[in-house]
Amino acid sequence: EQSGHADQRASPGRTHFGKKVLPPIPKNATPITK
């Protein structure tokens, strides 16, 4: 997007919805299970 060299696609633009992601795993968190 910044360079402006992105290829134009013939297909119509699609609406982007916010993707739900899980929070990051805590550092040094080691499970006791397998």
All heavy atoms as atom14 arrays in JSON, in Angstrom:
{
  "sequence": "EQSGHADQRASPGRTHFGKKVLPPIPKNATPITK",
  "atom14_mask": [
    [1, 1, 1, 1, 1, 1, 1, 1, 1, 0, 0, 0, 0, 0],
    [1, 1, 1, 1, 1, 1, 1, 1, 1, 0, 0, 0, 0, 0],
    [1, 1, 1, 1, 1, 1, 0, 0, 0, 0, 0, 0, 0, 0],
    [1, 1, 1, 1, 0, 0, 0, 0, 0, 0, 0, 0, 0, 0],
    [1, 1, 1, 1, 1, 1, 1, 1, 1, 1, 0, 0, 0, 0],
    [1, 1, 1, 1, 1, 0, 0, 0, 0, 0, 0, 0, 0, 0],
    [1, 1, 1, 1, 1, 1, 1, 1, 0, 0, 0, 0, 0, 0],
    [1, 1, 1, 1, 1, 1, 1, 1, 1, 0, 0, 0, 0, 0],
    [1, 1, 1, 1, 1, 1, 1, 1, 1, 1, 1, 0, 0, 0],
    [1, 1, 1, 1, 1, 0, 0, 0, 0, 0, 0, 0, 0, 0],
    [1, 1, 1, 1, 1, 1, 0, 0, 0, 0, 0, 0, 0, 0],
    [1, 1, 1, 1, 1, 1, 1, 0, 0, 0, 0, 0, 0, 0],
    [1, 1, 1, 1, 0, 0, 0, 0, 0, 0, 0, 0, 0, 0],
    [1, 1, 1, 1, 1, 1, 1, 1, 1, 1, 1, 0, 0, 0],
    [1, 1, 1, 1, 1, 1, 1, 0, 0, 0, 0, 0, 0, 0],
    [1, 1, 1, 1, 1, 1, 1, 1, 1, 1, 0, 0, 0, 0],
    [1, 1, 1, 1, 1, 1, 1, 1, 1, 1, 1, 0, 0, 0],
    [1, 1, 1, 1, 0, 0, 0, 0, 0, 0, 0, 0, 0, 0],
    [1, 1, 1, 1, 1, 1, 1, 1, 1, 0, 0, 0, 0, 0],
    [1, 1, 1, 1, 1, 1, 1, 1, 1, 0, 0, 0, 0, 0],
    [1, 1, 1, 1, 1, 1, 1, 0, 0, 0, 0, 0, 0, 0],
    [1, 1, 1, 1, 1, 1, 1, 1, 0, 0, 0, 0, 0, 0],
    [1, 1, 1, 1, 1, 1, 1, 0, 0, 0, 0, 0, 0, 0],
    [1, 1, 1, 1, 1, 1, 1, 0, 0, 0, 0, 0, 0, 0],
    [1, 1, 1, 1, 1, 1, 1, 1, 0, 0, 0, 0, 0, 0],
    [1, 1, 1, 1, 1, 1, 1, 0, 0, 0, 0, 0, 0, 0],
    [1, 1, 1, 1, 1, 1, 1, 1, 1, 0, 0, 0, 0, 0],
    [1, 1, 1, 1, 1, 1, 1, 1, 0, 0, 0, 0, 0, 0],
    [1, 1, 1, 1, 1, 0, 0, 0, 0, 0, 0, 0, 0, 0],
    [1, 1, 1, 1, 1, 1, 1, 0, 0, 0, 0, 0, 0, 0],
    [1, 1, 1, 1, 1, 1, 1, 0, 0, 0, 0, 0, 0, 0],
    [1, 1, 1, 1, 1, 1, 1, 1, 0, 0, 0, 0, 0, 0],
    [1, 1, 1, 1, 1, 1, 1, 0, 0, 0, 0, 0, 0, 0],
    [1, 1, 1, 1, 1, 1, 1, 1, 1, 0, 0, 0, 0, 0]
  ],
  "atom14_positions": [
    [[0.83, -1.2, 0.0], [0.0, 0.0, 0.0], [0.86, 1.25, 0.0], [0.53, 2.26, -0.63], [-0.92, -0.02, 1.22], [-1.99, -1.11, 1.13], [-2.83, -1.16, 2.38], [-2.55, -0.39, 3.31], [-3.78, -1.97, 2.43], [0.0, 0.0, 0.0], [0.0, 0.0, 0.0], [0.0, 0.0, 0.0], [0.0, 0.0, 0.0], [0.0, 0.0, 0.0]],
    [[2.0, 1.2, 0.7], [2.86, 2.38, 0.77], [3.58, 2.62, -0.56], [3.76, 3.75, -0.98], [3.88, 2.21, 1.89], [3.25, 2.24, 3.27], [4.28, 2.03, 4.36], [5.47, 1.87, 4.07], [3.83, 2.06, 5.61], [0.0, 0.0, 0.0], [0.0, 0.0, 0.0], [0.0, 0.0, 0.0], [0.0, 0.0, 0.0], [0.0, 0.0, 0.0]],
    [[4.02, 1.58, -1.25], [4.76, 1.74, -2.51], [3.86, 2.08, -3.67], [4.29, 2.65, -4.67], [5.55, 0.46, -2.81], [4.64, -0.62, -2.96], [0.0, 0.0, 0.0], [0.0, 0.0, 0.0], [0.0, 0.0, 0.0], [0.0, 0.0, 0.0], [0.0, 0.0, 0.0], [0.0, 0.0, 0.0], [0.0, 0.0, 0.0], [0.0, 0.0, 0.0]],
    [[2.61, 1.72, -3.6], [1.67, 2.01, -4.67], [1.79, 1.11, -5.85], [1.25, 1.42, -6.91], [0.0, 0.0, 0.0], [0.0, 0.0, 0.0], [0.0, 0.0, 0.0], [0.0, 0.0, 0.0], [0.0, 0.0, 0.0], [0.0, 0.0, 0.0], [0.0, 0.0, 0.0], [0.0, 0.0, 0.0], [0.0, 0.0, 0.0], [0.0, 0.0, 0.0]],
    [[2.56, 0.01, -5.71], [2.77, -0.91, -6.82], [1.95, -2.17, -6.69], [2.24, -3.16, -7.35], [4.26, -1.29, -6.92], [5.14, -0.11, -7.2], [5.11, 0.59, -8.39], [6.07, 0.5, -6.43], [6.01, 1.57, -8.36], [6.59, 1.54, -7.17], [0.0, 0.0, 0.0], [0.0, 0.0, 0.0], [0.0, 0.0, 0.0], [0.0, 0.0, 0.0]],
    [[0.98, -2.15, -5.86], [0.15, -3.35, -5.71], [-0.67, -3.57, -6.95], [-1.15, -2.62, -7.57], [-0.77, -3.21, -4.49], [0.0, 0.0, 0.0], [0.0, 0.0, 0.0], [0.0, 0.0, 0.0], [0.0, 0.0, 0.0], [0.0, 0.0, 0.0], [0.0, 0.0, 0.0], [0.0, 0.0, 0.0], [0.0, 0.0, 0.0], [0.0, 0.0, 0.0]],
    [[-0.78, -4.8, -7.37], [-1.54, -5.12, -8.57], [-3.02, -4.9, -8.32], [-3.54, -5.22, -7.27], [-1.31, -6.6, -8.96], [0.14, -6.83, -9.34], [0.8, -5.85, -9.73], [0.59, -8.0, -9.2], [0.0, 0.0, 0.0], [0.0, 0.0, 0.0], [0.0, 0.0, 0.0], [0.0, 0.0, 0.0], [0.0, 0.0, 0.0], [0.0, 0.0, 0.0]],
    [[-3.66, -4.32, -9.35], [-5.08, -4.12, -9.27], [-5.78, -5.42, -9.64], [-5.45, -6.04, -10.64], [-5.52, -3.02, -10.25], [-4.92, -1.67, -9.95], [-5.44, -1.12, -8.63], [-6.57, -1.41, -8.26], [-4.62, -0.32, -7.95], [0.0, 0.0, 0.0], [0.0, 0.0, 0.0], [0.0, 0.0, 0.0], [0.0, 0.0, 0.0], [0.0, 0.0, 0.0]],
    [[-6.75, -5.83, -8.81], [-7.47, -7.06, -9.05], [-8.81, -6.74, -9.7], [-9.45, -5.75, -9.4], [-7.71, -7.81, -7.74], [-6.4, -8.2, -7.06], [-6.67, -8.96, -5.76], [-5.43, -9.29, -5.09], [-4.73, -10.38, -5.33], [-5.16, -11.25, -6.23], [-3.61, -10.63, -4.68], [0.0, 0.0, 0.0], [0.0, 0.0, 0.0], [0.0, 0.0, 0.0]],
    [[-9.22, -7.62, -10.6], [-10.47, -7.4, -11.33], [-11.67, -7.66, -10.46], [-12.74, -7.11, -10.67], [-10.51, -8.3, -12.57], [0.0, 0.0, 0.0], [0.0, 0.0, 0.0], [0.0, 0.0, 0.0], [0.0, 0.0, 0.0], [0.0, 0.0, 0.0], [0.0, 0.0, 0.0], [0.0, 0.0, 0.0], [0.0, 0.0, 0.0], [0.0, 0.0, 0.0]],
    [[-11.5, -8.5, -9.49], [-12.64, -8.83, -8.64], [-12.97, -7.65, -7.75], [-12.1, -6.87, -7.37], [-12.32, -10.06, -7.78], [-11.18, -9.8, -6.98], [0.0, 0.0, 0.0], [0.0, 0.0, 0.0], [0.0, 0.0, 0.0], [0.0, 0.0, 0.0], [0.0, 0.0, 0.0], [0.0, 0.0, 0.0], [0.0, 0.0, 0.0], [0.0, 0.0, 0.0]],
    [[-14.26, -7.46, -7.41], [-14.65, -6.33, -6.55], [-14.06, -6.47, -5.17], [-13.8, -7.56, -4.68], [-16.18, -6.46, -6.52], [-16.46, -7.89, -6.82], [-15.4, -8.32, -7.78], [0.0, 0.0, 0.0], [0.0, 0.0, 0.0], [0.0, 0.0, 0.0], [0.0, 0.0, 0.0], [0.0, 0.0, 0.0], [0.0, 0.0, 0.0], [0.0, 0.0, 0.0]],
    [[-13.85, -5.33, -4.54], [-13.27, -5.33, -3.2], [-14.23, -5.94, -2.2], [-15.44, -5.79, -2.29], [0.0, 0.0, 0.0], [0.0, 0.0, 0.0], [0.0, 0.0, 0.0], [0.0, 0.0, 0.0], [0.0, 0.0, 0.0], [0.0, 0.0, 0.0], [0.0, 0.0, 0.0], [0.0, 0.0, 0.0], [0.0, 0.0, 0.0], [0.0, 0.0, 0.0]],
    [[-13.66, -6.65, -1.24], [-14.45, -7.29, -0.2], [-14.28, -6.53, 1.11], [-13.22, -5.97, 1.39], [-14.0, -8.74, -0.01], [-14.32, -9.63, -1.21], [-13.85, -11.05, -0.98], [-12.39, -11.08, -0.85], [-11.7, -12.19, -0.59], [-12.36, -13.34, -0.43], [-10.39, -12.16, -0.5], [0.0, 0.0, 0.0], [0.0, 0.0, 0.0], [0.0, 0.0, 0.0]],
    [[-15.34, -6.53, 1.86], [-15.31, -5.86, 3.15], [-14.5, -6.69, 4.14], [-14.73, -7.89, 4.28], [-16.74, -5.66, 3.7], [-17.48, -4.95, 2.72], [-16.71, -4.89, 5.01], [0.0, 0.0, 0.0], [0.0, 0.0, 0.0], [0.0, 0.0, 0.0], [0.0, 0.0, 0.0], [0.0, 0.0, 0.0], [0.0, 0.0, 0.0], [0.0, 0.0, 0.0]],
    [[-13.55, -6.05, 4.83], [-12.7, -6.76, 5.79], [-13.28, -6.57, 7.19], [-13.53, -5.46, 7.63], [-11.27, -6.2, 5.74], [-10.6, -6.47, 4.42], [-10.02, -7.68, 4.11], [-10.45, -5.68, 3.32], [-9.52, -7.62, 2.89], [-9.77, -6.42, 2.39], [0.0, 0.0, 0.0], [0.0, 0.0, 0.0], [0.0, 0.0, 0.0], [0.0, 0.0, 0.0]],
    [[-13.47, -7.67, 7.82], [-13.95, -7.62, 9.2], [-12.78, -7.87, 10.14], [-11.82, -8.57, 9.8], [-15.04, -8.68, 9.44], [-16.27, -8.45, 8.61], [-16.42, -9.08, 7.37], [-17.27, -7.6, 9.05], [-17.55, -8.88, 6.61], [-18.4, -7.4, 8.3], [-18.54, -8.02, 7.07], [0.0, 0.0, 0.0], [0.0, 0.0, 0.0], [0.0, 0.0, 0.0]],
    [[-12.89, -7.3, 11.33], [-11.86, -7.5, 12.34], [-11.74, -8.97, 12.72], [-12.72, -9.61, 13.03], [0.0, 0.0, 0.0], [0.0, 0.0, 0.0], [0.0, 0.0, 0.0], [0.0, 0.0, 0.0], [0.0, 0.0, 0.0], [0.0, 0.0, 0.0], [0.0, 0.0, 0.0], [0.0, 0.0, 0.0], [0.0, 0.0, 0.0], [0.0, 0.0, 0.0]],
    [[-10.55, -9.5, 12.66], [-10.33, -10.92, 12.97], [-10.03, -11.09, 14.44], [-9.16, -10.42, 14.99], [-9.16, -11.45, 12.14], [-8.93, -12.93, 12.31], [-7.82, -13.41, 11.4], [-7.61, -14.91, 11.56], [-6.52, -15.4, 10.67], [0.0, 0.0, 0.0], [0.0, 0.0, 0.0], [0.0, 0.0, 0.0], [0.0, 0.0, 0.0], [0.0, 0.0, 0.0]],
    [[-10.79, -11.95, 15.07], [-10.59, -12.19, 16.49], [-9.38, -13.08, 16.68], [-9.26, -14.13, 16.07], [-11.82, -12.84, 17.11], [-13.05, -11.95, 17.11], [-14.21, -12.64, 17.79], [-15.44, -11.74, 17.81], [-16.58, -12.4, 18.48], [0.0, 0.0, 0.0], [0.0, 0.0, 0.0], [0.0, 0.0, 0.0], [0.0, 0.0, 0.0], [0.0, 0.0, 0.0]],
    [[-8.47, -12.65, 17.51], [-7.28, -13.43, 17.82], [-7.18, -13.61, 19.32], [-7.67, -12.8, 20.1], [-6.0, -12.77, 17.27], [-6.01, -12.7, 15.76], [-5.84, -11.38, 17.86], [0.0, 0.0, 0.0], [0.0, 0.0, 0.0], [0.0, 0.0, 0.0], [0.0, 0.0, 0.0], [0.0, 0.0, 0.0], [0.0, 0.0, 0.0], [0.0, 0.0, 0.0]],
    [[-6.51, -14.68, 19.71], [-6.32, -14.94, 21.12], [-5.18, -14.08, 21.65], [-4.28, -13.69, 20.91], [-5.99, -16.42, 21.34], [-7.12, -17.4, 21.01], [-6.6, -18.82, 21.03], [-8.27, -17.25, 21.98], [0.0, 0.0, 0.0], [0.0, 0.0, 0.0], [0.0, 0.0, 0.0], [0.0, 0.0, 0.0], [0.0, 0.0, 0.0], [0.0, 0.0, 0.0]],
    [[-5.18, -13.75, 22.93], [-4.08, -12.96, 23.51], [-2.79, -13.76, 23.47], [-2.81, -14.98, 23.37], [-4.55, -12.7, 24.94], [-5.5, -13.8, 25.23], [-6.19, -14.1, 23.92], [0.0, 0.0, 0.0], [0.0, 0.0, 0.0], [0.0, 0.0, 0.0], [0.0, 0.0, 0.0], [0.0, 0.0, 0.0], [0.0, 0.0, 0.0], [0.0, 0.0, 0.0]],
    [[-1.65, -13.09, 23.55], [-0.36, -13.8, 23.48], [-0.18, -14.73, 24.67], [-0.67, -14.48, 25.76], [0.66, -12.66, 23.5], [-0.04, -11.52, 24.16], [-1.47, -11.65, 23.75], [0.0, 0.0, 0.0], [0.0, 0.0, 0.0], [0.0, 0.0, 0.0], [0.0, 0.0, 0.0], [0.0, 0.0, 0.0], [0.0, 0.0, 0.0], [0.0, 0.0, 0.0]],
    [[0.56, -15.8, 24.43], [0.87, -16.75, 25.5], [1.89, -16.13, 26.43], [2.88, -15.54, 25.99], [1.41, -18.06, 24.91], [0.35, -18.68, 24.0], [1.82, -19.04, 26.0], [0.81, -19.92, 23.3], [0.0, 0.0, 0.0], [0.0, 0.0, 0.0], [0.0, 0.0, 0.0], [0.0, 0.0, 0.0], [0.0, 0.0, 0.0], [0.0, 0.0, 0.0]],
    [[1.71, -16.22, 27.75], [2.68, -15.61, 28.69], [4.07, -16.19, 28.49], [4.23, -17.37, 28.16], [2.09, -15.97, 30.06], [0.66, -16.27, 29.8], [0.59, -16.84, 28.42], [0.0, 0.0, 0.0], [0.0, 0.0, 0.0], [0.0, 0.0, 0.0], [0.0, 0.0, 0.0], [0.0, 0.0, 0.0], [0.0, 0.0, 0.0], [0.0, 0.0, 0.0]],
    [[5.08, -15.34, 28.71], [6.45, -15.81, 28.61], [6.77, -16.79, 29.74], [6.27, -16.66, 30.85], [7.42, -14.63, 28.68], [7.34, -13.7, 27.47], [8.37, -12.6, 27.57], [8.32, -11.7, 26.34], [9.32, -10.62, 26.44], [0.0, 0.0, 0.0], [0.0, 0.0, 0.0], [0.0, 0.0, 0.0], [0.0, 0.0, 0.0], [0.0, 0.0, 0.0]],
    [[7.65, -17.73, 29.44], [8.09, -18.73, 30.43], [6.97, -19.57, 30.98], [7.09, -20.16, 32.05], [8.83, -18.05, 31.59], [10.01, -17.24, 31.11], [10.67, -17.62, 30.14], [10.28, -16.13, 31.78], [0.0, 0.0, 0.0], [0.0, 0.0, 0.0], [0.0, 0.0, 0.0], [0.0, 0.0, 0.0], [0.0, 0.0, 0.0], [0.0, 0.0, 0.0]],
    [[5.83, -19.62, 30.28], [4.7, -20.43, 30.73], [4.86, -21.83, 30.16], [4.8, -22.02, 28.95], [3.37, -19.83, 30.29], [0.0, 0.0, 0.0], [0.0, 0.0, 0.0], [0.0, 0.0, 0.0], [0.0, 0.0, 0.0], [0.0, 0.0, 0.0], [0.0, 0.0, 0.0], [0.0, 0.0, 0.0], [0.0, 0.0, 0.0], [0.0, 0.0, 0.0]],
    [[5.09, -22.79, 31.0], [5.31, -24.17, 30.57], [4.23, -25.06, 31.13], [4.08, -25.17, 32.35], [6.68, -24.67, 31.06], [7.69, -23.79, 30.59], [6.95, -26.08, 30.53], [0.0, 0.0, 0.0], [0.0, 0.0, 0.0], [0.0, 0.0, 0.0], [0.0, 0.0, 0.0], [0.0, 0.0, 0.0], [0.0, 0.0, 0.0], [0.0, 0.0, 0.0]],
    [[3.43, -25.71, 30.29], [2.38, -26.6, 30.8], [2.98, -27.85, 31.4], [4.03, -28.32, 30.98], [1.56, -26.91, 29.55], [2.52, -26.76, 28.42], [3.45, -25.66, 28.83], [0.0, 0.0, 0.0], [0.0, 0.0, 0.0], [0.0, 0.0, 0.0], [0.0, 0.0, 0.0], [0.0, 0.0, 0.0], [0.0, 0.0, 0.0], [0.0, 0.0, 0.0]],
    [[2.29, -28.42, 32.38], [2.78, -29.63, 33.02], [2.27, -30.85, 32.29], [2.66, -31.96, 32.61], [2.33, -29.68, 34.49], [0.8, -29.71, 34.58], [2.88, -28.54, 35.27], [0.27, -29.89, 35.99], [0.0, 0.0, 0.0], [0.0, 0.0, 0.0], [0.0, 0.0, 0.0], [0.0, 0.0, 0.0], [0.0, 0.0, 0.0], [0.0, 0.0, 0.0]],
    [[1.39, -30.67, 31.32], [0.84, -31.8, 30.59], [1.61, -32.0, 29.3], [2.51, -31.24, 28.96], [-0.64, -31.57, 30.29], [-0.8, -30.3, 29.64], [-1.45, -31.57, 31.56], [0.0, 0.0, 0.0], [0.0, 0.0, 0.0], [0.0, 0.0, 0.0], [0.0, 0.0, 0.0], [0.0, 0.0, 0.0], [0.0, 0.0, 0.0], [0.0, 0.0, 0.0]],
    [[1.24, -33.01, 28.54], [1.95, -33.36, 27.32], [1.82, -32.25, 26.3], [0.72, -31.83, 25.96], [1.38, -34.66, 26.75], [2.18, -35.17, 25.56], [1.67, -36.51, 25.1], [0.32, -36.39, 24.44], [-0.14, -37.65, 23.86], [0.0, 0.0, 0.0], [0.0, 0.0, 0.0], [0.0, 0.0, 0.0], [0.0, 0.0, 0.0], [0.0, 0.0, 0.0]]
  ]
}
